[in-house]
Amino acid sequence: ARSADERTAAMVEINCETDFVAREQGFRAFAQAVADCALRAQPASLAALGETRLPAGESIEERRRALVAKIGENISVRRFTVLASPEHLGAYVHGTRIGALVAMRGGAASLAYDLAMHVAASNPRYLTQAQVPADVMAKEREILTQQAQGEGKPPEIVARMVEGRLRKALGEITLAGQPFVKDLDVTIEKLLKGAKAEVVAFERFEVGAGIEKRQDGTDATVRH
């Protein structure tokens, strides 16, 4: 769901048990209604979103329960996000399983869309290397050091190898360091510089990400 000025958007993940229900019109209408409510109310939590009233007067949670009773399959509103942009906001949905939002300052709206498509395809974890947490950096450095030492190189060579491999690894998990999906010879950082643009924030949802199946077949949410 997007605002009238196209600078704010809401994205939701709603889970069901089968692909059949995911294609059902009632389920899709419910998903759109939840996204519209998230955009309008911008609630502070998932619980608050569930209490938000739909235009017909019922809450999202009441509508969800009614839909479960009608379809006979469990449906859950798992997460949502609302992203506001100072200028351009790119949105891209790949099928019904992956969605991405990119807030960008400068450049053109078409670039924001392309970057949302890139985020959906390449799944960056962070915006820039500066945003990579220190513990993630330390763990990656430790792993790379052990690998390099196992190759029997002198300490000074090991140090250079680790730094080079660390830069490559960080480039793979940061949006700025990734090669642009539409031109692999250009990194996102260079693309933005050439367009005089800046990505302020991005969000990416993939249905089921972080959920594992227990041995009894039920879903378990893995918290990171």
Foldseek 3Di string as FASTA:
>chain_A
DADPVRFKFKDWFKDWDDVVVVPDPLNVVLRVQLRVQCRVVVDPDPVVSQQGAGPVGHGSVVSQVVVCVVVVIHMGGDDMDMDGAPHEKAWDDDDPFKIKIWHKDFFDNVVNNLLRVQCRVQVAPAAAPVPDDPVVLVVLLVVQLVVLVVVVDPPVVSVVSSVVVSLVVRLSRHQQSAQRPVGNVDGNVRVCVVRVMDTPDMDMGGHPVQWDADPVGDIDGHDD
